[in-house]
Amino acid sequence: LTATDIQRLVDNGIKETKSLDYKMNLNLSKDAEKKEFLNDVSSFYN
């Protein structure tokens, strides 16, 4: 993926799907944040 591809997602209003999820921030300092991150990753994998 390139910068142009990422910009296309926004310009075309491509919504989240079963295989795509947007996050504004990435925080992994607290246990609750790590758990939420892992839940997201495993949900895609499964």
PDB file of all heavy atoms in Angstrom:
ATOM      1  N   LEU A   1       0.838  -1.202   0.000  1.00  0.00           N
ATOM      2  CA  LEU A   1       0.000   0.000   0.000  1.00  0.00           C
ATOM      3  C   LEU A   1       0.873   1.253   0.000  1.00  0.00           C
ATOM      4  O   LEU A   1       1.897   1.321   0.673  1.00  0.00           O
ATOM      5  CB  LEU A   1      -0.914   0.010   1.219  1.00  0.00           C
ATOM      6  CG  LEU A   1      -2.065  -1.018   1.204  1.00  0.00           C
ATOM      7  CD1 LEU A   1      -2.682  -1.133   2.581  1.00  0.00           C
ATOM      8  CD2 LEU A   1      -3.116  -0.637   0.165  1.00  0.00           C
ATOM      9  N   THR A   2       0.443   2.258  -0.734  1.00  0.00           N
ATOM     10  CA  THR A   2       1.177   3.519  -0.837  1.00  0.00           C
ATOM     11  C   THR A   2       0.369   4.650  -0.212  1.00  0.00           C
ATOM     12  O   THR A   2      -0.795   4.475   0.173  1.00  0.00           O
ATOM     13  CB  THR A   2       1.460   3.855  -2.307  1.00  0.00           C
ATOM     14  OG1 THR A   2       0.204   4.104  -2.977  1.00  0.00           O
ATOM     15  CG2 THR A   2       2.175   2.709  -3.005  1.00  0.00           C
ATOM     16  N   ALA A   3       0.986   5.824  -0.143  1.00  0.00           N
ATOM     17  CA  ALA A   3       0.288   7.000   0.375  1.00  0.00           C
ATOM     18  C   ALA A   3      -0.932   7.315  -0.469  1.00  0.00           C
ATOM     19  O   ALA A   3      -1.976   7.728   0.060  1.00  0.00           O
ATOM     20  CB  ALA A   3       1.255   8.194   0.389  1.00  0.00           C
ATOM     21  N   THR A   4      -0.838   7.110  -1.760  1.00  0.00           N
ATOM     22  CA  THR A   4      -1.976   7.349  -2.658  1.00  0.00           C
ATOM     23  C   THR A   4      -3.137   6.418  -2.322  1.00  0.00           C
ATOM     24  O   THR A   4      -4.307   6.836  -2.320  1.00  0.00           O
ATOM     25  CB  THR A   4      -1.556   7.146  -4.124  1.00  0.00           C
ATOM     26  OG1 THR A   4      -0.495   8.050  -4.439  1.00  0.00           O
ATOM     27  CG2 THR A   4      -2.730   7.391  -5.063  1.00  0.00           C
ATOM     28  N   ASP A   5      -2.828   5.159  -2.019  1.00  0.00           N
ATOM     29  CA  ASP A   5      -3.877   4.196  -1.677  1.00  0.00           C
ATOM     30  C   ASP A   5      -4.585   4.592  -0.384  1.00  0.00           C
ATOM     31  O   ASP A   5      -5.817   4.509  -0.281  1.00  0.00           O
ATOM     32  CB  ASP A   5      -3.277   2.796  -1.520  1.00  0.00           C
ATOM     33  CG  ASP A   5      -2.630   2.294  -2.794  1.00  0.00           C
ATOM     34  OD1 ASP A   5      -3.186   2.548  -3.879  1.00  0.00           O
ATOM     35  OD2 ASP A   5      -1.559   1.645  -2.714  1.00  0.00           O
ATOM     36  N   ILE A   6      -3.806   5.015   0.607  1.00  0.00           N
ATOM     37  CA  ILE A   6      -4.401   5.426   1.882  1.00  0.00           C
ATOM     38  C   ILE A   6      -5.281   6.656   1.686  1.00  0.00           C
ATOM     39  O   ILE A   6      -6.388   6.755   2.247  1.00  0.00           O
ATOM     40  CB  ILE A   6      -3.296   5.715   2.925  1.00  0.00           C
ATOM     41  CG1 ILE A   6      -2.441   4.467   3.172  1.00  0.00           C
ATOM     42  CG2 ILE A   6      -3.918   6.206   4.219  1.00  0.00           C
ATOM     43  CD1 ILE A   6      -3.218   3.276   3.684  1.00  0.00           C
ATOM     44  N   GLN A   7      -4.824   7.585   0.874  1.00  0.00           N
ATOM     45  CA  GLN A   7      -5.617   8.788   0.605  1.00  0.00           C
ATOM     46  C   GLN A   7      -6.907   8.440  -0.116  1.00  0.00           C
ATOM     47  O   GLN A   7      -7.958   9.051   0.136  1.00  0.00           O
ATOM     48  CB  GLN A   7      -4.791   9.775  -0.230  1.00  0.00           C
ATOM     49  CG  GLN A   7      -5.417  11.162  -0.345  1.00  0.00           C
ATOM     50  CD  GLN A   7      -5.529  11.875   0.987  1.00  0.00           C
ATOM     51  OE1 GLN A   7      -4.535  12.055   1.694  1.00  0.00           O
ATOM     52  NE2 GLN A   7      -6.752  12.268   1.357  1.00  0.00           N
ATOM     53  N   ARG A   8      -6.857   7.462  -0.990  1.00  0.00           N
ATOM     54  CA  ARG A   8      -8.063   7.021  -1.712  1.00  0.00           C
ATOM     55  C   ARG A   8      -9.131   6.508  -0.760  1.00  0.00           C
ATOM     56  O   ARG A   8     -10.324   6.724  -0.984  1.00  0.00           O
ATOM     57  CB  ARG A   8      -7.706   5.918  -2.710  1.00  0.00           C
ATOM     58  CG  ARG A   8      -7.063   6.404  -4.004  1.00  0.00           C
ATOM     59  CD  ARG A   8      -6.611   5.223  -4.841  1.00  0.00           C
ATOM     60  NE  ARG A   8      -7.713   4.318  -5.157  1.00  0.00           N
ATOM     61  CZ  ARG A   8      -7.555   3.061  -5.569  1.00  0.00           C
ATOM     62  NH1 ARG A   8      -6.333   2.556  -5.678  1.00  0.00           N
ATOM     63  NH2 ARG A   8      -8.604   2.322  -5.863  1.00  0.00           N
ATOM     64  N   LEU A   9      -8.699   5.814   0.300  1.00  0.00           N
ATOM     65  CA  LEU A   9      -9.664   5.305   1.276  1.00  0.00           C
ATOM     66  C   LEU A   9     -10.481   6.436   1.877  1.00  0.00           C
ATOM     67  O   LEU A   9     -11.700   6.326   2.056  1.00  0.00           O
ATOM     68  CB  LEU A   9      -8.926   4.542   2.389  1.00  0.00           C
ATOM     69  CG  LEU A   9      -8.239   3.234   2.014  1.00  0.00           C
ATOM     70  CD1 LEU A   9      -7.413   2.718   3.192  1.00  0.00           C
ATOM     71  CD2 LEU A   9      -9.258   2.184   1.595  1.00  0.00           C
ATOM     72  N   VAL A  10      -9.794   7.550   2.187  1.00  0.00           N
ATOM     73  CA  VAL A  10     -10.471   8.697   2.791  1.00  0.00           C
ATOM     74  C   VAL A  10     -11.287   9.457   1.753  1.00  0.00           C
ATOM     75  O   VAL A  10     -12.460   9.786   1.976  1.00  0.00           O
ATOM     76  CB  VAL A  10      -9.444   9.626   3.463  1.00  0.00           C
ATOM     77  CG1 VAL A  10     -10.123  10.869   4.027  1.00  0.00           C
ATOM     78  CG2 VAL A  10      -8.684   8.884   4.558  1.00  0.00           C
ATOM     79  N   ASP A  11     -10.680   9.733   0.609  1.00  0.00           N
ATOM     80  CA  ASP A  11     -11.352  10.516  -0.432  1.00  0.00           C
ATOM     81  C   ASP A  11     -12.624   9.837  -0.929  1.00  0.00           C
ATOM     82  O   ASP A  11     -13.626  10.502  -1.236  1.00  0.00           O
ATOM     83  CB  ASP A  11     -10.411  10.753  -1.613  1.00  0.00           C
ATOM     84  CG  ASP A  11      -9.231  11.650  -1.243  1.00  0.00           C
ATOM     85  OD1 ASP A  11      -9.314  12.332  -0.195  1.00  0.00           O
ATOM     86  OD2 ASP A  11      -8.241  11.659  -1.987  1.00  0.00           O
ATOM     87  N   ASN A  12     -12.589   8.510  -1.002  1.00  0.00           N
ATOM     88  CA  ASN A  12     -13.748   7.759  -1.505  1.00  0.00           C
ATOM     89  C   ASN A  12     -14.676   7.278  -0.400  1.00  0.00           C
ATOM     90  O   ASN A  12     -15.672   6.598  -0.672  1.00  0.00           O
ATOM     91  CB  ASN A  12     -13.282   6.560  -2.334  1.00  0.00           C
ATOM     92  CG  ASN A  12     -12.531   6.975  -3.584  1.00  0.00           C
ATOM     93  OD1 ASN A  12     -12.795   8.016  -4.154  1.00  0.00           O
ATOM     94  ND2 ASN A  12     -11.582   6.162  -4.004  1.00  0.00           N
ATOM     95  N   GLY A  13     -14.342   7.611   0.837  1.00  0.00           N
ATOM     96  CA  GLY A  13     -15.215   7.239   1.949  1.00  0.00           C
ATOM     97  C   GLY A  13     -15.403   5.739   2.097  1.00  0.00           C
ATOM     98  O   GLY A  13     -16.512   5.273   2.385  1.00  0.00           O
ATOM     99  N   ILE A  14     -14.319   4.980   1.922  1.00  0.00           N
ATOM    100  CA  ILE A  14     -14.403   3.523   2.038  1.00  0.00           C
ATOM    101  C   ILE A  14     -14.639   3.144   3.497  1.00  0.00           C
ATOM    102  O   ILE A  14     -13.781   3.357   4.356  1.00  0.00           O
ATOM    103  CB  ILE A  14     -13.111   2.850   1.528  1.00  0.00           C
ATOM    104  CG1 ILE A  14     -12.808   3.285   0.094  1.00  0.00           C
ATOM    105  CG2 ILE A  14     -13.235   1.337   1.629  1.00  0.00           C
ATOM    106  CD1 ILE A  14     -13.867   2.917  -0.912  1.00  0.00           C
ATOM    107  N   LYS A  15     -15.805   2.583   3.780  1.00  0.00           N
ATOM    108  CA  LYS A  15     -16.175   2.278   5.157  1.00  0.00           C
ATOM    109  C   LYS A  15     -15.519   0.991   5.647  1.00  0.00           C
ATOM    110  O   LYS A  15     -15.058   0.156   4.866  1.00  0.00           O
ATOM    111  CB  LYS A  15     -17.703   2.154   5.270  1.00  0.00           C
ATOM    112  CG  LYS A  15     -18.461   3.426   4.914  1.00  0.00           C
ATOM    113  CD  LYS A  15     -19.919   3.340   5.296  1.00  0.00           C
ATOM    114  CE  LYS A  15     -20.111   3.337   6.796  1.00  0.00           C
ATOM    115  NZ  LYS A  15     -21.537   3.452   7.196  1.00  0.00           N
ATOM    116  N   GLU A  16     -15.493   0.861   6.959  1.00  0.00           N
ATOM    117  CA  GLU A  16     -14.976  -0.354   7.567  1.00  0.00           C
ATOM    118  C   GLU A  16     -15.817  -1.558   7.146  1.00  0.00           C
ATOM    119  O   GLU A  16     -17.019  -1.445   6.918  1.00  0.00           O
ATOM    120  CB  GLU A  16     -15.011  -0.233   9.096  1.00  0.00           C
ATOM    121  CG  GLU A  16     -14.038   0.784   9.653  1.00  0.00           C
ATOM    122  CD  GLU A  16     -14.137   0.890  11.162  1.00  0.00           C
ATOM    123  OE1 GLU A  16     -15.197   0.534  11.721  1.00  0.00           O
ATOM    124  OE2 GLU A  16     -13.158   1.335  11.784  1.00  0.00           O
ATOM    125  N   THR A  17     -15.137  -2.684   7.049  1.00  0.00           N
ATOM    126  CA  THR A  17     -15.798  -3.936   6.697  1.00  0.00           C
ATOM    127  C   THR A  17     -15.297  -5.024   7.642  1.00  0.00           C
ATOM    128  O   THR A  17     -14.559  -4.749   8.595  1.00  0.00           O
ATOM    129  CB  THR A  17     -15.480  -4.343   5.246  1.00  0.00           C
ATOM    130  OG1 THR A  17     -14.070  -4.639   5.140  1.00  0.00           O
ATOM    131  CG2 THR A  17     -15.841  -3.240   4.267  1.00  0.00           C
ATOM    132  N   LYS A  18     -15.680  -6.236   7.333  1.00  0.00           N
ATOM    133  CA  LYS A  18     -15.213  -7.375   8.120  1.00  0.00           C
ATOM    134  C   LYS A  18     -13.707  -7.533   8.039  1.00  0.00           C
ATOM    135  O   LYS A  18     -13.080  -8.108   8.930  1.00  0.00           O
ATOM    136  CB  LYS A  18     -15.920  -8.646   7.623  1.00  0.00           C
ATOM    137  CG  LYS A  18     -15.732  -9.859   8.482  1.00  0.00           C
ATOM    138  CD  LYS A  18     -16.747 -10.951   8.158  1.00  0.00           C
ATOM    139  CE  LYS A  18     -16.688 -11.374   6.717  1.00  0.00           C
ATOM    140  NZ  LYS A  18     -17.580 -12.539   6.454  1.00  0.00           N
ATOM    141  N   SER A  19     -13.110  -7.009   6.972  1.00  0.00           N
ATOM    142  CA  SER A  19     -11.664  -7.172   6.770  1.00  0.00           C
ATOM    143  C   SER A  19     -10.898  -5.850   6.803  1.00  0.00           C
ATOM    144  O   SER A  19      -9.742  -5.801   6.401  1.00  0.00           O
ATOM    145  CB  SER A  19     -11.397  -7.882   5.433  1.00  0.00           C
ATOM    146  OG  SER A  19     -11.935  -7.138   4.361  1.00  0.00           O
ATOM    147  N   LEU A  20     -11.538  -4.786   7.283  1.00  0.00           N
ATOM    148  CA  LEU A  20     -10.885  -3.473   7.344  1.00  0.00           C
ATOM    149  C   LEU A  20     -11.375  -2.708   8.565  1.00  0.00           C
ATOM    150  O   LEU A  20     -12.583  -2.608   8.806  1.00  0.00           O
ATOM    151  CB  LEU A  20     -11.183  -2.669   6.071  1.00  0.00           C
ATOM    152  CG  LEU A  20     -10.662  -1.229   6.026  1.00  0.00           C
ATOM    153  CD1 LEU A  20      -9.143  -1.202   6.072  1.00  0.00           C
ATOM    154  CD2 LEU A  20     -11.173  -0.518   4.768  1.00  0.00           C
ATOM    155  N   ASP A  21     -10.426  -2.163   9.327  1.00  0.00           N
ATOM    156  CA  ASP A  21     -10.785  -1.412  10.544  1.00  0.00           C
ATOM    157  C   ASP A  21      -9.847  -0.217  10.681  1.00  0.00           C
ATOM    158  O   ASP A  21      -8.625  -0.348  10.520  1.00  0.00           O
ATOM    159  CB  ASP A  21     -10.659  -2.313  11.771  1.00  0.00           C
ATOM    160  CG  ASP A  21     -11.369  -1.744  12.990  1.00  0.00           C
ATOM    161  OD1 ASP A  21     -11.978  -0.658  12.862  1.00  0.00           O
ATOM    162  OD2 ASP A  21     -11.312  -2.371  14.058  1.00  0.00           O
ATOM    163  N   TYR A  22     -10.430   0.958  10.956  1.00  0.00           N
ATOM    164  CA  TYR A  22      -9.643   2.176  11.144  1.00  0.00           C
ATOM    165  C   TYR A  22      -9.472   2.463  12.638  1.00  0.00           C
ATOM    166  O   TYR A  22     -10.395   2.291  13.434  1.00  0.00           O
ATOM    167  CB  TYR A  22     -10.341   3.377  10.505  1.00  0.00           C
ATOM    168  CG  TYR A  22     -10.583   3.251   9.020  1.00  0.00           C
ATOM    169  CD1 TYR A  22     -11.876   3.239   8.508  1.00  0.00           C
ATOM    170  CD2 TYR A  22      -9.521   3.162   8.124  1.00  0.00           C
ATOM    171  CE1 TYR A  22     -12.118   3.141   7.148  1.00  0.00           C
ATOM    172  CE2 TYR A  22      -9.741   3.064   6.760  1.00  0.00           C
ATOM    173  CZ  TYR A  22     -11.043   3.050   6.280  1.00  0.00           C
ATOM    174  OH  TYR A  22     -11.278   2.939   4.931  1.00  0.00           O
ATOM    175  N   LYS A  23      -8.293   2.923  12.993  1.00  0.00           N
ATOM    176  CA  LYS A  23      -8.003   3.351  14.362  1.00  0.00           C
ATOM    177  C   LYS A  23      -7.294   4.692  14.302  1.00  0.00           C
ATOM    178  O   LYS A  23      -6.357   4.869  13.521  1.00  0.00           O
ATOM    179  CB  LYS A  23      -7.098   2.344  15.079  1.00  0.00           C
ATOM    180  CG  LYS A  23      -7.652   0.925  15.147  1.00  0.00           C
ATOM    181  CD  LYS A  23      -8.822   0.809  16.087  1.00  0.00           C
ATOM    182  CE  LYS A  23      -9.276  -0.634  16.206  1.00  0.00           C
ATOM    183  NZ  LYS A  23     -10.471  -0.776  17.098  1.00  0.00           N
ATOM    184  N   MET A  24      -7.725   5.636  15.129  1.00  0.00           N
ATOM    185  CA  MET A  24      -7.086   6.944  15.133  1.00  0.00           C
ATOM    186  C   MET A  24      -5.746   6.893  15.868  1.00  0.00           C
ATOM    187  O   MET A  24      -4.776   7.540  15.455  1.00  0.00           O
ATOM    188  CB  MET A  24      -7.994   7.994  15.784  1.00  0.00           C
ATOM    189  CG  MET A  24      -7.429   9.414  15.694  1.00  0.00           C
ATOM    190  SD  MET A  24      -8.636  10.693  16.137  1.00  0.00           S
ATOM    191  CE  MET A  24      -8.819  10.398  17.894  1.00  0.00           C
ATOM    192  N   ASN A  25      -5.683   6.096  16.938  1.00  0.00           N
ATOM    193  CA  ASN A  25      -4.473   6.037  17.753  1.00  0.00           C
ATOM    194  C   ASN A  25      -4.003   4.601  17.931  1.00  0.00           C
ATOM    195  O   ASN A  25      -4.773   3.647  17.747  1.00  0.00           O
ATOM    196  CB  ASN A  25      -4.735   6.635  19.143  1.00  0.00           C
ATOM    197  CG  ASN A  25      -5.205   8.076  19.076  1.00  0.00           C
ATOM    198  OD1 ASN A  25      -4.541   8.908  18.463  1.00  0.00           O
ATOM    199  ND2 ASN A  25      -6.335   8.375  19.696  1.00  0.00           N
ATOM    200  N   LEU A  26      -2.752   4.460  18.311  1.00  0.00           N
ATOM    201  CA  LEU A  26      -2.202   3.166  18.711  1.00  0.00           C
ATOM    202  C   LEU A  26      -1.558   3.339  20.075  1.00  0.00           C
ATOM    203  O   LEU A  26      -0.502   3.966  20.208  1.00  0.00           O
ATOM    204  CB  LEU A  26      -1.158   2.674  17.699  1.00  0.00           C
ATOM    205  CG  LEU A  26      -0.401   1.403  18.091  1.00  0.00           C
ATOM    206  CD1 LEU A  26      -1.362   0.229  18.247  1.00  0.00           C
ATOM    207  CD2 LEU A  26       0.692   1.071  17.085  1.00  0.00           C
ATOM    208  N   ASN A  27      -2.215   2.796  21.086  1.00  0.00           N
ATOM    209  CA  ASN A  27      -1.717   2.890  22.451  1.00  0.00           C
ATOM    210  C   ASN A  27      -1.534   1.493  23.018  1.00  0.00           C
ATOM    211  O   ASN A  27      -2.491   0.703  23.058  1.00  0.00           O
ATOM    212  CB  ASN A  27      -2.693   3.685  23.333  1.00  0.00           C
ATOM    213  CG  ASN A  27      -2.861   5.119  22.851  1.00  0.00           C
ATOM    214  OD1 ASN A  27      -1.872   5.813  22.621  1.00  0.00           O
ATOM    215  ND2 ASN A  27      -4.099   5.558  22.685  1.00  0.00           N
ATOM    216  N   LEU A  28      -0.318   1.182  23.477  1.00  0.00           N
ATOM    217  CA  LEU A  28      -0.033  -0.153  23.985  1.00  0.00           C
ATOM    218  C   LEU A  28       0.674  -0.101  25.334  1.00  0.00           C
ATOM    219  O   LEU A  28       1.373  -1.033  25.717  1.00  0.00           O
ATOM    220  CB  LEU A  28       0.853  -0.922  22.987  1.00  0.00           C
ATOM    221  CG  LEU A  28       0.237  -1.198  21.611  1.00  0.00           C
ATOM    222  CD1 LEU A  28       1.274  -1.832  20.691  1.00  0.00           C
ATOM    223  CD2 LEU A  28      -0.989  -2.089  21.730  1.00  0.00           C
ATOM    224  N   SER A  29       0.474   0.984  26.062  1.00  0.00           N
ATOM    225  CA  SER A  29       1.177   1.140  27.336  1.00  0.00           C
ATOM    226  C   SER A  29       0.425   0.485  28.494  1.00  0.00           C
ATOM    227  O   SER A  29       1.046  -0.040  29.430  1.00  0.00           O
ATOM    228  CB  SER A  29       1.406   2.619  27.638  1.00  0.00           C
ATOM    229  OG  SER A  29       0.176   3.327  27.664  1.00  0.00           O
ATOM    230  N   LYS A  30      -0.904   0.490  28.458  1.00  0.00           N
ATOM    231  CA  LYS A  30      -1.709  -0.061  29.547  1.00  0.00           C
ATOM    232  C   LYS A  30      -2.225  -1.453  29.191  1.00  0.00           C
ATOM    233  O   LYS A  30      -2.395  -1.786  28.021  1.00  0.00           O
ATOM    234  CB  LYS A  30      -2.887   0.865  29.856  1.00  0.00           C
ATOM    235  CG  LYS A  30      -2.478   2.273  30.276  1.00  0.00           C
ATOM    236  CD  LYS A  30      -3.702   3.142  30.515  1.00  0.00           C
ATOM    237  CE  LYS A  30      -3.301   4.562  30.918  1.00  0.00           C
ATOM    238  NZ  LYS A  30      -4.480   5.446  31.112  1.00  0.00           N
ATOM    239  N   ASP A  31      -2.479  -2.257  30.227  1.00  0.00           N
ATOM    240  CA  ASP A  31      -2.970  -3.621  30.000  1.00  0.00           C
ATOM    241  C   ASP A  31      -4.292  -3.633  29.237  1.00  0.00           C
ATOM    242  O   ASP A  31      -4.498  -4.484  28.358  1.00  0.00           O
ATOM    243  CB  ASP A  31      -3.147  -4.342  31.341  1.00  0.00           C
ATOM    244  CG  ASP A  31      -1.817  -4.808  31.927  1.00  0.00           C
ATOM    245  OD1 ASP A  31      -0.782  -4.613  31.260  1.00  0.00           O
ATOM    246  OD2 ASP A  31      -1.821  -5.366  33.043  1.00  0.00           O
ATOM    247  N   ALA A  32      -5.194  -2.714  29.569  1.00  0.00           N
ATOM    248  CA  ALA A  32      -6.490  -2.669  28.892  1.00  0.00           C
ATOM    249  C   ALA A  32      -6.312  -2.379  27.401  1.00  0.00           C
ATOM    250  O   ALA A  32      -7.041  -2.933  26.560  1.00  0.00           O
ATOM    251  CB  ALA A  32      -7.383  -1.615  29.534  1.00  0.00           C
ATOM    252  N   GLU A  33      -5.341  -1.525  27.072  1.00  0.00           N
ATOM    253  CA  GLU A  33      -5.074  -1.190  25.667  1.00  0.00           C
ATOM    254  C   GLU A  33      -4.469  -2.386  24.928  1.00  0.00           C
ATOM    255  O   GLU A  33      -4.821  -2.656  23.769  1.00  0.00           O
ATOM    256  CB  GLU A  33      -4.142   0.012  25.598  1.00  0.00           C
ATOM    257  CG  GLU A  33      -4.756   1.288  26.151  1.00  0.00           C
ATOM    258  CD  GLU A  33      -3.741   2.393  26.383  1.00  0.00           C
ATOM    259  OE1 GLU A  33      -2.520   2.093  26.434  1.00  0.00           O
ATOM    260  OE2 GLU A  33      -4.150   3.562  26.542  1.00  0.00           O
ATOM    261  N   LYS A  34      -3.582  -3.095  25.595  1.00  0.00           N
ATOM    262  CA  LYS A  34      -2.989  -4.289  24.985  1.00  0.00           C
ATOM    263  C   LYS A  34      -4.057  -5.351  24.730  1.00  0.00           C
ATOM    264  O   LYS A  34      -4.062  -5.992  23.676  1.00  0.00           O
ATOM    265  CB  LYS A  34      -1.898  -4.846  25.893  1.00  0.00           C
ATOM    266  CG  LYS A  34      -0.687  -3.947  26.036  1.00  0.00           C
ATOM    267  CD  LYS A  34       0.321  -4.537  27.006  1.00  0.00           C
ATOM    268  CE  LYS A  34       1.527  -3.629  27.172  1.00  0.00           C
ATOM    269  NZ  LYS A  34       2.500  -4.171  28.168  1.00  0.00           N
ATOM    270  N   LYS A  35      -4.932  -5.542  25.697  1.00  0.00           N
ATOM    271  CA  LYS A  35      -5.975  -6.551  25.550  1.00  0.00           C
ATOM    272  C   LYS A  35      -6.914  -6.204  24.399  1.00  0.00           C
ATOM    273  O   LYS A  35      -7.264  -7.074  23.590  1.00  0.00           O
ATOM    274  CB  LYS A  35      -6.767  -6.682  26.855  1.00  0.00           C
ATOM    275  CG  LYS A  35      -7.825  -7.780  26.823  1.00  0.00           C
ATOM    276  CD  LYS A  35      -8.632  -7.841  28.114  1.00  0.00           C
ATOM    277  CE  LYS A  35      -7.775  -8.256  29.275  1.00  0.00           C
ATOM    278  NZ  LYS A  35      -8.589  -8.467  30.509  1.00  0.00           N
ATOM    279  N   GLU A  36      -7.300  -4.949  24.291  1.00  0.00           N
ATOM    280  CA  GLU A  36      -8.181  -4.521  23.201  1.00  0.00           C
ATOM    281  C   GLU A  36      -7.501  -4.717  21.847  1.00  0.00           C
ATOM    282  O   GLU A  36      -8.123  -5.167  20.879  1.00  0.00           O
ATOM    283  CB  GLU A  36      -8.551  -3.052  23.392  1.00  0.00           C
ATOM    284  CG  GLU A  36      -9.563  -2.519  22.390  1.00  0.00           C
ATOM    285  CD  GLU A  36     -10.955  -3.082  22.596  1.00  0.00           C
ATOM    286  OE1 GLU A  36     -11.194  -3.725  23.645  1.00  0.00           O
ATOM    287  OE2 GLU A  36     -11.809  -2.906  21.704  1.00  0.00           O
ATOM    288  N   PHE A  37      -6.221  -4.401  21.785  1.00  0.00           N
ATOM    289  CA  PHE A  37      -5.446  -4.586  20.557  1.00  0.00           C
ATOM    290  C   PHE A  37      -5.402  -6.065  20.169  1.00  0.00           C
ATOM    291  O   PHE A  37      -5.642  -6.432  19.006  1.00  0.00           O
ATOM    292  CB  PHE A  37      -4.036  -4.046  20.773  1.00  0.00           C
ATOM    293  CG  PHE A  37      -3.081  -4.316  19.643  1.00  0.00           C
ATOM    294  CD1 PHE A  37      -3.107  -3.542  18.494  1.00  0.00           C
ATOM    295  CD2 PHE A  37      -2.156  -5.346  19.729  1.00  0.00           C
ATOM    296  CE1 PHE A  37      -2.226  -3.790  17.444  1.00  0.00           C
ATOM    297  CE2 PHE A  37      -1.271  -5.596  18.703  1.00  0.00           C
ATOM    298  CZ  PHE A  37      -1.307  -4.823  17.552  1.00  0.00           C
ATOM    299  N   LEU A  38      -5.127  -6.936  21.114  1.00  0.00           N
ATOM    300  CA  LEU A  38      -5.067  -8.367  20.848  1.00  0.00           C
ATOM    301  C   LEU A  38      -6.423  -8.925  20.441  1.00  0.00           C
ATOM    302  O   LEU A  38      -6.513  -9.816  19.573  1.00  0.00           O
ATOM    303  CB  LEU A  38      -4.545  -9.104  22.082  1.00  0.00           C
ATOM    304  CG  LEU A  38      -3.070  -8.866  22.415  1.00  0.00           C
ATOM    305  CD1 LEU A  38      -2.757  -9.313  23.838  1.00  0.00           C
ATOM    306  CD2 LEU A  38      -2.180  -9.585  21.418  1.00  0.00           C
ATOM    307  N   ASN A  39      -7.483  -8.414  21.040  1.00  0.00           N
ATOM    308  CA  ASN A  39      -8.826  -8.843  20.659  1.00  0.00           C
ATOM    309  C   ASN A  39      -9.102  -8.506  19.203  1.00  0.00           C
ATOM    310  O   ASN A  39      -9.696  -9.308  18.456  1.00  0.00           O
ATOM    311  CB  ASN A  39      -9.868  -8.179  21.554  1.00  0.00           C
ATOM    312  CG  ASN A  39      -9.804  -8.636  22.994  1.00  0.00           C
ATOM    313  OD1 ASN A  39      -9.162  -9.637  23.311  1.00  0.00           O
ATOM    314  ND2 ASN A  39     -10.456  -7.910  23.887  1.00  0.00           N
ATOM    315  N   ASP A  40      -8.669  -7.320  18.782  1.00  0.00           N
ATOM    316  CA  ASP A  40      -8.849  -6.910  17.384  1.00  0.00           C
ATOM    317  C   ASP A  40      -8.083  -7.838  16.440  1.00  0.00           C
ATOM    318  O   ASP A  40      -8.616  -8.306  15.434  1.00  0.00           O
ATOM    319  CB  ASP A  40      -8.380  -5.469  17.186  1.00  0.00           C
ATOM    320  CG  ASP A  40      -9.354  -4.440  17.719  1.00  0.00           C
ATOM    321  OD1 ASP A  40     -10.573  -4.695  17.656  1.00  0.00           O
ATOM    322  OD2 ASP A  40      -8.905  -3.389  18.208  1.00  0.00           O
ATOM    323  N   VAL A  41      -6.823  -8.080  16.769  1.00  0.00           N
ATOM    324  CA  VAL A  41      -5.979  -8.900  15.901  1.00  0.00           C
ATOM    325  C   VAL A  41      -6.539 -10.318  15.776  1.00  0.00           C
ATOM    326  O   VAL A  41      -6.661 -10.865  14.672  1.00  0.00           O
ATOM    327  CB  VAL A  41      -4.529  -8.948  16.442  1.00  0.00           C
ATOM    328  CG1 VAL A  41      -3.697  -9.975  15.670  1.00  0.00           C
ATOM    329  CG2 VAL A  41      -3.887  -7.571  16.354  1.00  0.00           C
ATOM    330  N   SER A  42      -6.891 -10.923  16.892  1.00  0.00           N
ATOM    331  CA  SER A  42      -7.395 -12.301  16.857  1.00  0.00           C
ATOM    332  C   SER A  42      -8.733 -12.385  16.130  1.00  0.00           C
ATOM    333  O   SER A  42      -9.024 -13.397  15.490  1.00  0.00           O
ATOM    334  CB  SER A  42      -7.528 -12.854  18.277  1.00  0.00           C
ATOM    335  OG  SER A  42      -8.555 -12.194  18.995  1.00  0.00           O
ATOM    336  N   SER A  43      -9.541 -11.332  16.211  1.00  0.00           N
ATOM    337  CA  SER A  43     -10.839 -11.357  15.522  1.00  0.00           C
ATOM    338  C   SER A  43     -10.664 -11.420  14.013  1.00  0.00           C
ATOM    339  O   SER A  43     -11.425 -12.092  13.313  1.00  0.00           O
ATOM    340  CB  SER A  43     -11.673 -10.130  15.914  1.00  0.00           C
ATOM    341  OG  SER A  43     -11.152  -8.936  15.346  1.00  0.00           O
ATOM    342  N   PHE A  44      -9.653 -10.706  13.489  1.00  0.00           N
ATOM    343  CA  PHE A  44      -9.355 -10.789  12.063  1.00  0.00           C
ATOM    344  C   PHE A  44      -8.867 -12.194  11.711  1.00  0.00           C
ATOM    345  O   PHE A  44      -9.313 -12.791  10.729  1.00  0.00           O
ATOM    346  CB  PHE A  44      -8.278  -9.765  11.677  1.00  0.00           C
ATOM    347  CG  PHE A  44      -8.796  -8.390  11.428  1.00  0.00           C
ATOM    348  CD1 PHE A  44      -8.727  -7.417  12.413  1.00  0.00           C
ATOM    349  CD2 PHE A  44      -9.356  -8.046  10.206  1.00  0.00           C
ATOM    350  CE1 PHE A  44      -9.199  -6.137  12.187  1.00  0.00           C
ATOM    351  CE2 PHE A  44      -9.823  -6.774   9.965  1.00  0.00           C
ATOM    352  CZ  PHE A  44      -9.750  -5.811  10.961  1.00  0.00           C
ATOM    353  N   TYR A  45      -7.926 -12.697  12.502  1.00  0.00           N
ATOM    354  CA  TYR A  45      -7.332 -14.006  12.243  1.00  0.00           C
ATOM    355  C   TYR A  45      -8.399 -15.103  12.234  1.00  0.00           C
ATOM    356  O   TYR A  45      -8.348 -16.023  11.406  1.00  0.00           O
ATOM    357  CB  TYR A  45      -6.284 -14.295  13.315  1.00  0.00           C
ATOM    358  CG  TYR A  45      -5.538 -15.588  13.137  1.00  0.00           C
ATOM    359  CD1 TYR A  45      -4.423 -15.663  12.295  1.00  0.00           C
ATOM    360  CD2 TYR A  45      -5.918 -16.743  13.823  1.00  0.00           C
ATOM    361  CE1 TYR A  45      -3.720 -16.845  12.142  1.00  0.00           C
ATOM    362  CE2 TYR A  45      -5.225 -17.932  13.669  1.00  0.00           C
ATOM    363  CZ  TYR A  45      -4.134 -17.976  12.829  1.00  0.00           C
ATOM    364  OH  TYR A  45      -3.442 -19.162  12.674  1.00  0.00           O
ATOM    365  N   ASN A  46      -9.366 -15.014  13.129  1.00  0.00           N
ATOM    366  CA  ASN A  46     -10.393 -16.050  13.254  1.00  0.00           C
ATOM    367  C   ASN A  46     -11.539 -15.879  12.262  1.00  0.00           C
ATOM    368  O   ASN A  46     -12.463 -16.708  12.247  1.00  0.00           O
ATOM    369  CB  ASN A  46     -10.960 -16.052  14.678  1.00  0.00           C
ATOM    370  CG  ASN A  46      -9.952 -16.558  15.692  1.00  0.00           C
ATOM    371  OD1 ASN A  46      -9.065 -17.331  15.371  1.00  0.00           O
ATOM    372  ND2 ASN A  46     -10.092 -16.115  16.928  1.00  0.00           N
TER     373      ASN A  46
END
